[in-house]
């Protein structure tokens, strides 16, 4: 099984990595309750997607920090 990584702002697919469920569950305890639902999504087909940020969007947010208030600022 693999995990897809997508930018949460521009929806660009950043890549996929092998998924080890036992190892991942151990790492997830670092998140606070409610944070996991914001960053990790599992669809009805069982595909796990982690929403992160790409380099382009990260640079834009550094230049324009007001964009943090918007969920989607790239159209």
PDB file of N, CA and C in Angstrom:
ATOM      1  N   UNK A   1       0.846  -1.174   0.000  1.00  0.00           N
ATOM      2  CA  UNK A   1       0.000   0.000   0.000  1.00  0.00           C
ATOM      3  C   UNK A   1       0.894   1.241   0.000  1.00  0.00           C
ATOM      4  N   UNK A   2       0.429   2.313  -0.618  1.00  0.00           N
ATOM      5  CA  UNK A   2       1.188   3.555  -0.664  1.00  0.00           C
ATOM      6  C   UNK A   2       0.353   4.710  -0.114  1.00  0.00           C
ATOM      7  N   UNK A   3       1.047   5.776   0.170  1.00  0.00           N
ATOM      8  CA  UNK A   3       0.412   7.005   0.647  1.00  0.00           C
ATOM      9  C   UNK A   3       0.754   8.098  -0.356  1.00  0.00           C
ATOM     10  N   UNK A   4      -0.259   8.847  -0.796  1.00  0.00           N
ATOM     11  CA  UNK A   4      -0.041   9.966  -1.716  1.00  0.00           C
ATOM     12  C   UNK A   4       0.175  11.238  -0.900  1.00  0.00           C
ATOM     13  N   UNK A   5       1.066  12.080  -1.379  1.00  0.00           N
ATOM     14  CA  UNK A   5       1.310  13.383  -0.765  1.00  0.00           C
ATOM     15  C   UNK A   5       0.910  14.448  -1.764  1.00  0.00           C
ATOM     16  N   UNK A   6      -0.012  15.337  -1.340  1.00  0.00           N
ATOM     17  CA  UNK A   6      -0.520  16.401  -2.211  1.00  0.00           C
ATOM     18  C   UNK A   6      -0.421  17.732  -1.484  1.00  0.00           C
ATOM     19  N   UNK A   7      -0.190  18.790  -2.251  1.00  0.00           N
ATOM     20  CA  UNK A   7      -0.160  20.130  -1.673  1.00  0.00           C
ATOM     21  C   UNK A   7      -1.578  20.527  -1.297  1.00  0.00           C
ATOM     22  N   UNK A   8      -1.752  20.999  -0.086  1.00  0.00           N
ATOM     23  CA  UNK A   8      -3.081  21.375   0.391  1.00  0.00           C
ATOM     24  C   UNK A   8      -3.595  22.659  -0.248  1.00  0.00           C
ATOM     25  N   UNK A   9      -2.722  23.426  -0.882  1.00  0.00           N
ATOM     26  CA  UNK A   9      -3.133  24.698  -1.485  1.00  0.00           C
ATOM     27  C   UNK A   9      -3.357  24.590  -2.991  1.00  0.00           C
ATOM     28  N   UNK A  10      -2.391  24.037  -3.736  1.00  0.00           N
ATOM     29  CA  UNK A  10      -2.515  23.986  -5.200  1.00  0.00           C
ATOM     30  C   UNK A  10      -2.897  22.607  -5.718  1.00  0.00           C
ATOM     31  N   UNK A  11      -2.989  21.611  -4.834  1.00  0.00           N
ATOM     32  CA  UNK A  11      -3.423  20.250  -5.157  1.00  0.00           C
ATOM     33  C   UNK A  11      -2.452  19.508  -6.077  1.00  0.00           C
ATOM     34  N   UNK A  12      -1.203  19.934  -6.124  1.00  0.00           N
ATOM     35  CA  UNK A  12      -0.174  19.244  -6.902  1.00  0.00           C
ATOM     36  C   UNK A  12       0.218  17.970  -6.170  1.00  0.00           C
ATOM     37  N   UNK A  13       0.312  16.864  -6.916  1.00  0.00           N
ATOM     38  CA  UNK A  13       0.766  15.622  -6.296  1.00  0.00           C
ATOM     39  C   UNK A  13       2.281  15.678  -6.165  1.00  0.00           C
ATOM     40  N   UNK A  14       2.774  15.535  -4.941  1.00  0.00           N
ATOM     41  CA  UNK A  14       4.206  15.641  -4.666  1.00  0.00           C
ATOM     42  C   UNK A  14       4.905  14.299  -4.734  1.00  0.00           C
ATOM     43  N   UNK A  15       4.164  13.220  -4.584  1.00  0.00           N
ATOM     44  CA  UNK A  15       4.766  11.900  -4.680  1.00  0.00           C
ATOM     45  C   UNK A  15       4.025  10.876  -3.865  1.00  0.00           C
ATOM     46  N   UNK A  16       4.558   9.652  -3.880  1.00  0.00           N
ATOM     47  CA  UNK A  16       3.995   8.566  -3.102  1.00  0.00           C
ATOM     48  C   UNK A  16       5.123   7.840  -2.379  1.00  0.00           C
ATOM     49  N   UNK A  17       4.796   7.270  -1.258  1.00  0.00           N
ATOM     50  CA  UNK A  17       5.755   6.499  -0.470  1.00  0.00           C
ATOM     51  C   UNK A  17       5.105   5.205  -0.012  1.00  0.00           C
ATOM     52  N   UNK A  18       5.917   4.164   0.208  1.00  0.00           N
ATOM     53  CA  UNK A  18       5.358   2.921   0.753  1.00  0.00           C
ATOM     54  C   UNK A  18       4.738   3.194   2.122  1.00  0.00           C
ATOM     55  N   UNK A  19       3.718   2.454   2.432  1.00  0.00           N
ATOM     56  CA  UNK A  19       2.961   2.656   3.661  1.00  0.00           C
ATOM     57  C   UNK A  19       3.115   1.444   4.558  1.00  0.00           C
ATOM     58  N   UNK A  20       3.611   1.668   5.772  1.00  0.00           N
ATOM     59  CA  UNK A  20       3.712   0.624   6.782  1.00  0.00           C
ATOM     60  C   UNK A  20       2.773   1.037   7.901  1.00  0.00           C
ATOM     61  N   UNK A  21       1.633   0.387   8.001  1.00  0.00           N
ATOM     62  CA  UNK A  21       0.580   0.825   8.930  1.00  0.00           C
ATOM     63  C   UNK A  21       1.049   0.856  10.381  1.00  0.00           C
ATOM     64  N   UNK A  22       1.773  -0.138  10.825  1.00  0.00           N
ATOM     65  CA  UNK A  22       2.217  -0.188  12.219  1.00  0.00           C
ATOM     66  C   UNK A  22       3.146   0.984  12.548  1.00  0.00           C
ATOM     67  N   UNK A  23       4.097   1.247  11.656  1.00  0.00           N
ATOM     68  CA  UNK A  23       5.037   2.348  11.877  1.00  0.00           C
ATOM     69  C   UNK A  23       4.323   3.693  11.847  1.00  0.00           C
ATOM     70  N   UNK A  24       3.384   3.849  10.947  1.00  0.00           N
ATOM     71  CA  UNK A  24       2.652   5.105  10.818  1.00  0.00           C
ATOM     72  C   UNK A  24       1.804   5.368  12.052  1.00  0.00           C
ATOM     73  N   UNK A  25       1.157   4.364  12.575  1.00  0.00           N
ATOM     74  CA  UNK A  25       0.317   4.540  13.771  1.00  0.00           C
ATOM     75  C   UNK A  25       1.174   5.024  14.940  1.00  0.00           C
ATOM     76  N   UNK A  26       2.391   4.514  15.064  1.00  0.00           N
ATOM     77  CA  UNK A  26       3.277   4.972  16.137  1.00  0.00           C
ATOM     78  C   UNK A  26       3.623   6.444  15.967  1.00  0.00           C
ATOM     79  N   UNK A  27       3.798   6.897  14.735  1.00  0.00           N
ATOM     80  CA  UNK A  27       4.156   8.300  14.493  1.00  0.00           C
ATOM     81  C   UNK A  27       2.963   9.234  14.666  1.00  0.00           C
ATOM     82  N   UNK A  28       1.754   8.747  14.432  1.00  0.00           N
ATOM     83  CA  UNK A  28       0.566   9.597  14.493  1.00  0.00           C
ATOM     84  C   UNK A  28       0.249  10.079  15.900  1.00  0.00           C
ATOM     85  N   UNK A  29       0.768   9.435  16.920  1.00  0.00           N
ATOM     86  CA  UNK A  29       0.487   9.892  18.279  1.00  0.00           C
ATOM     87  C   UNK A  29       1.097  11.267  18.549  1.00  0.00           C
ATOM     88  N   UNK A  30       1.973  11.739  17.656  1.00  0.00           N
ATOM     89  CA  UNK A  30       2.570  13.068  17.803  1.00  0.00           C
ATOM     90  C   UNK A  30       1.563  14.177  17.493  1.00  0.00           C
ATOM     91  N   UNK A  31       0.506  13.843  16.747  1.00  0.00           N
ATOM     92  CA  UNK A  31      -0.507  14.834  16.398  1.00  0.00           C
ATOM     93  C   UNK A  31      -1.503  14.988  17.530  1.00  0.00           C
ATOM     94  N   UNK A  32      -2.038  16.174  17.681  1.00  0.00           N
ATOM     95  CA  UNK A  32      -3.088  16.406  18.665  1.00  0.00           C
ATOM     96  C   UNK A  32      -4.422  15.936  18.078  1.00  0.00           C
ATOM     97  N   UNK A  33      -5.371  15.676  18.940  1.00  0.00           N
ATOM     98  CA  UNK A  33      -6.689  15.237  18.488  1.00  0.00           C
ATOM     99  C   UNK A  33      -7.268  16.302  17.564  1.00  0.00           C
ATOM    100  N   UNK A  34      -7.789  15.890  16.432  1.00  0.00           N
ATOM    101  CA  UNK A  34      -8.366  16.814  15.462  1.00  0.00           C
ATOM    102  C   UNK A  34      -7.405  17.220  14.368  1.00  0.00           C
ATOM    103  N   UNK A  35      -6.110  17.166  14.615  1.00  0.00           N
ATOM    104  CA  UNK A  35      -5.151  17.547  13.584  1.00  0.00           C
ATOM    105  C   UNK A  35      -5.052  16.509  12.478  1.00  0.00           C
ATOM    106  N   UNK A  36      -5.201  15.252  12.825  1.00  0.00           N
ATOM    107  CA  UNK A  36      -5.050  14.194  11.834  1.00  0.00           C
ATOM    108  C   UNK A  36      -6.095  14.342  10.733  1.00  0.00           C
ATOM    109  N   UNK A  37      -7.327  14.650  11.093  1.00  0.00           N
ATOM    110  CA  UNK A  37      -8.382  14.805  10.095  1.00  0.00           C
ATOM    111  C   UNK A  37      -8.085  15.954   9.143  1.00  0.00           C
ATOM    112  N   UNK A  38      -7.335  16.939   9.601  1.00  0.00           N
ATOM    113  CA  UNK A  38      -7.009  18.088   8.763  1.00  0.00           C
ATOM    114  C   UNK A  38      -5.933  17.744   7.736  1.00  0.00           C
ATOM    115  N   UNK A  39      -5.024  16.851   8.053  1.00  0.00           N
ATOM    116  CA  UNK A  39      -3.884  16.571   7.193  1.00  0.00           C
ATOM    117  C   UNK A  39      -3.937  15.231   6.477  1.00  0.00           C
ATOM    118  N   UNK A  40      -4.637  14.253   7.033  1.00  0.00           N
ATOM    119  CA  UNK A  40      -4.646  12.907   6.470  1.00  0.00           C
ATOM    120  C   UNK A  40      -6.076  12.522   6.125  1.00  0.00           C
ATOM    121  N   UNK A  41      -6.248  12.020   4.905  1.00  0.00           N
ATOM    122  CA  UNK A  41      -7.585  11.676   4.418  1.00  0.00           C
ATOM    123  C   UNK A  41      -7.534  10.279   3.792  1.00  0.00           C
ATOM    124  N   UNK A  42      -8.536   9.499   4.049  1.00  0.00           N
ATOM    125  CA  UNK A  42      -8.645   8.172   3.455  1.00  0.00           C
ATOM    126  C   UNK A  42      -9.973   8.106   2.728  1.00  0.00           C
ATOM    127  N   UNK A  43      -9.928   7.806   1.422  1.00  0.00           N
ATOM    128  CA  UNK A  43     -11.173   7.781   0.660  1.00  0.00           C
ATOM    129  C   UNK A  43     -11.830   6.407   0.700  1.00  0.00           C
ATOM    130  N   UNK A  44     -12.971   6.285   0.026  1.00  0.00           N
ATOM    131  CA  UNK A  44     -13.744   5.044   0.067  1.00  0.00           C
ATOM    132  C   UNK A  44     -13.028   3.867  -0.590  1.00  0.00           C
ATOM    133  N   UNK A  45     -12.025   4.138  -1.419  1.00  0.00           N
ATOM    134  CA  UNK A  45     -11.244   3.074  -2.051  1.00  0.00           C
ATOM    135  C   UNK A  45     -10.045   2.660  -1.207  1.00  0.00           C
ATOM    136  N   UNK A  46      -9.853   3.328  -0.071  1.00  0.00           N
ATOM    137  CA  UNK A  46      -8.743   2.997   0.814  1.00  0.00           C
ATOM    138  C   UNK A  46      -7.453   3.734   0.515  1.00  0.00           C
ATOM    139  N   UNK A  47      -7.497   4.698  -0.397  1.00  0.00           N
ATOM    140  CA  UNK A  47      -6.306   5.478  -0.734  1.00  0.00           C
ATOM    141  C   UNK A  47      -6.086   6.526   0.347  1.00  0.00           C
ATOM    142  N   UNK A  48      -4.885   6.555   0.914  1.00  0.00           N
ATOM    143  CA  UNK A  48      -4.549   7.519   1.959  1.00  0.00           C
ATOM    144  C   UNK A  48      -3.807   8.689   1.329  1.00  0.00           C
ATOM    145  N   UNK A  49      -4.264   9.911   1.616  1.00  0.00           N
ATOM    146  CA  UNK A  49      -3.632  11.117   1.094  1.00  0.00           C
ATOM    147  C   UNK A  49      -3.222  12.000   2.263  1.00  0.00           C
ATOM    148  N   UNK A  50      -1.973  12.446   2.233  1.00  0.00           N
ATOM    149  CA  UNK A  50      -1.466  13.378   3.234  1.00  0.00           C
ATOM    150  C   UNK A  50      -1.399  14.748   2.569  1.00  0.00           C
ATOM    151  N   UNK A  51      -2.068  15.715   3.175  1.00  0.00           N
ATOM    152  CA  UNK A  51      -2.073  17.077   2.638  1.00  0.00           C
ATOM    153  C   UNK A  51      -0.944  17.863   3.305  1.00  0.00           C
ATOM    154  N   UNK A  52       0.026  18.260   2.491  1.00  0.00           N
ATOM    155  CA  UNK A  52       1.185  19.005   2.985  1.00  0.00           C
ATOM    156  C   UNK A  52       1.323  20.269   2.141  1.00  0.00           C
ATOM    157  N   UNK A  53       2.510  20.783   1.969  1.00  0.00           N
ATOM    158  CA  UNK A  53       2.706  22.011   1.206  1.00  0.00           C
ATOM    159  C   UNK A  53       3.902  21.846   0.273  1.00  0.00           C
ATOM    160  N   UNK A  54       3.741  22.297  -0.967  1.00  0.00           N
ATOM    161  CA  UNK A  54       4.828  22.214  -1.943  1.00  0.00           C
ATOM    162  C   UNK A  54       5.763  23.424  -1.775  1.00  0.00           C
ATOM    163  N   UNK A  55       6.925  23.354  -2.394  1.00  0.00           N
ATOM    164  CA  UNK A  55       7.908  24.426  -2.265  1.00  0.00           C
ATOM    165  C   UNK A  55       7.383  25.748  -2.815  1.00  0.00           C
ATOM    166  N   UNK A  56       6.653  25.690  -3.931  1.00  0.00           N
ATOM    167  CA  UNK A  56       6.127  26.916  -4.536  1.00  0.00           C
ATOM    168  C   UNK A  56       5.158  27.628  -3.594  1.00  0.00           C
ATOM    169  N   UNK A  57       4.222  26.869  -3.030  1.00  0.00           N
ATOM    170  CA  UNK A  57       3.243  27.473  -2.113  1.00  0.00           C
ATOM    171  C   UNK A  57       3.908  27.935  -0.823  1.00  0.00           C
ATOM    172  N   UNK A  58       4.894  27.197  -0.350  1.00  0.00           N
ATOM    173  CA  UNK A  58       5.607  27.601   0.853  1.00  0.00           C
ATOM    174  C   UNK A  58       6.304  28.949   0.643  1.00  0.00           C
ATOM    175  N   UNK A  59       6.917  29.135  -0.513  1.00  0.00           N
ATOM    176  CA  UNK A  59       7.586  30.401  -0.821  1.00  0.00           C
ATOM    177  C   UNK A  59       6.559  31.535  -0.922  1.00  0.00           C
ATOM    178  N   UNK A  60       5.412  31.261  -1.549  1.00  0.00           N
ATOM    179  CA  UNK A  60       4.357  32.277  -1.652  1.00  0.00           C
ATOM    180  C   UNK A  60       3.852  32.690  -0.280  1.00  0.00           C
ATOM    181  N   UNK A  61       3.698  31.716   0.617  1.00  0.00           N
ATOM    182  CA  UNK A  61       3.235  32.031   1.971  1.00  0.00           C
ATOM    183  C   UNK A  61       4.273  32.842   2.749  1.00  0.00           C
ATOM    184  N   UNK A  62       5.543  32.619   2.472  1.00  0.00           N
ATOM    185  CA  UNK A  62       6.574  33.447   3.116  1.00  0.00           C
ATOM    186  C   UNK A  62       6.475  34.898   2.657  1.00  0.00           C
ATOM    187  N   UNK A  63       6.216  35.081   1.358  1.00  0.00           N
ATOM    188  CA  UNK A  63       6.124  36.434   0.810  1.00  0.00           C
ATOM    189  C   UNK A  63       4.812  37.112   1.185  1.00  0.00           C
ATOM    190  N   UNK A  64       3.740  36.339   1.279  1.00  0.00           N
ATOM    191  CA  UNK A  64       2.412  36.891   1.563  1.00  0.00           C
ATOM    192  C   UNK A  64       1.769  36.115   2.718  1.00  0.00           C
ATOM    193  N   UNK A  65       2.174  36.384   3.953  1.00  0.00           N
ATOM    194  CA  UNK A  65       1.666  35.609   5.101  1.00  0.00           C
ATOM    195  C   UNK A  65       0.159  35.727   5.318  1.00  0.00           C
ATOM    196  N   UNK A  66      -0.484  36.722   4.742  1.00  0.00           N
ATOM    197  CA  UNK A  66      -1.939  36.852   4.876  1.00  0.00           C
ATOM    198  C   UNK A  66      -2.671  35.686   4.203  1.00  0.00           C
ATOM    199  N   UNK A  67      -2.017  34.989   3.293  1.00  0.00           N
ATOM    200  CA  UNK A  67      -2.628  33.852   2.606  1.00  0.00           C
ATOM    201  C   UNK A  67      -2.959  32.710   3.569  1.00  0.00           C
ATOM    202  N   UNK A  68      -2.300  32.655   4.728  1.00  0.00           N
ATOM    203  CA  UNK A  68      -2.582  31.599   5.690  1.00  0.00           C
ATOM    204  C   UNK A  68      -4.049  31.600   6.120  1.00  0.00           C
ATOM    205  N   UNK A  69      -4.696  32.732   6.060  1.00  0.00           N
ATOM    206  CA  UNK A  69      -6.098  32.830   6.467  1.00  0.00           C
ATOM    207  C   UNK A  69      -7.034  32.181   5.445  1.00  0.00           C
ATOM    208  N   UNK A  70      -6.555  31.953   4.234  1.00  0.00           N
ATOM    209  CA  UNK A  70      -7.368  31.369   3.170  1.00  0.00           C
ATOM    210  C   UNK A  70      -7.093  29.882   3.036  1.00  0.00           C
ATOM    211  N   UNK A  71      -8.130  29.101   2.849  1.00  0.00           N
ATOM    212  CA  UNK A  71      -7.955  27.655   2.685  1.00  0.00           C
ATOM    213  C   UNK A  71      -7.396  27.342   1.295  1.00  0.00           C
ATOM    214  N   UNK A  72      -7.941  27.965   0.260  1.00  0.00           N
ATOM    215  CA  UNK A  72      -7.457  27.811  -1.112  1.00  0.00           C
ATOM    216  C   UNK A  72      -7.266  29.204  -1.695  1.00  0.00           C
ATOM    217  N   UNK A  73      -6.039  29.568  -1.970  1.00  0.00           N
ATOM    218  CA  UNK A  73      -5.774  30.897  -2.521  1.00  0.00           C
ATOM    219  C   UNK A  73      -5.235  30.824  -3.936  1.00  0.00           C
ATOM    220  N   UNK A  74      -4.993  29.658  -4.445  1.00  0.00           N
ATOM    221  CA  UNK A  74      -4.573  29.489  -5.833  1.00  0.00           C
ATOM    222  C   UNK A  74      -5.764  28.966  -6.609  1.00  0.00           C
ATOM    223  N   UNK A  75      -6.170  29.673  -7.628  1.00  0.00           N
ATOM    224  CA  UNK A  75      -7.338  29.280  -8.435  1.00  0.00           C
ATOM    225  C   UNK A  75      -6.905  28.522  -9.654  1.00  0.00           C
TER     226      UNK A  75
END
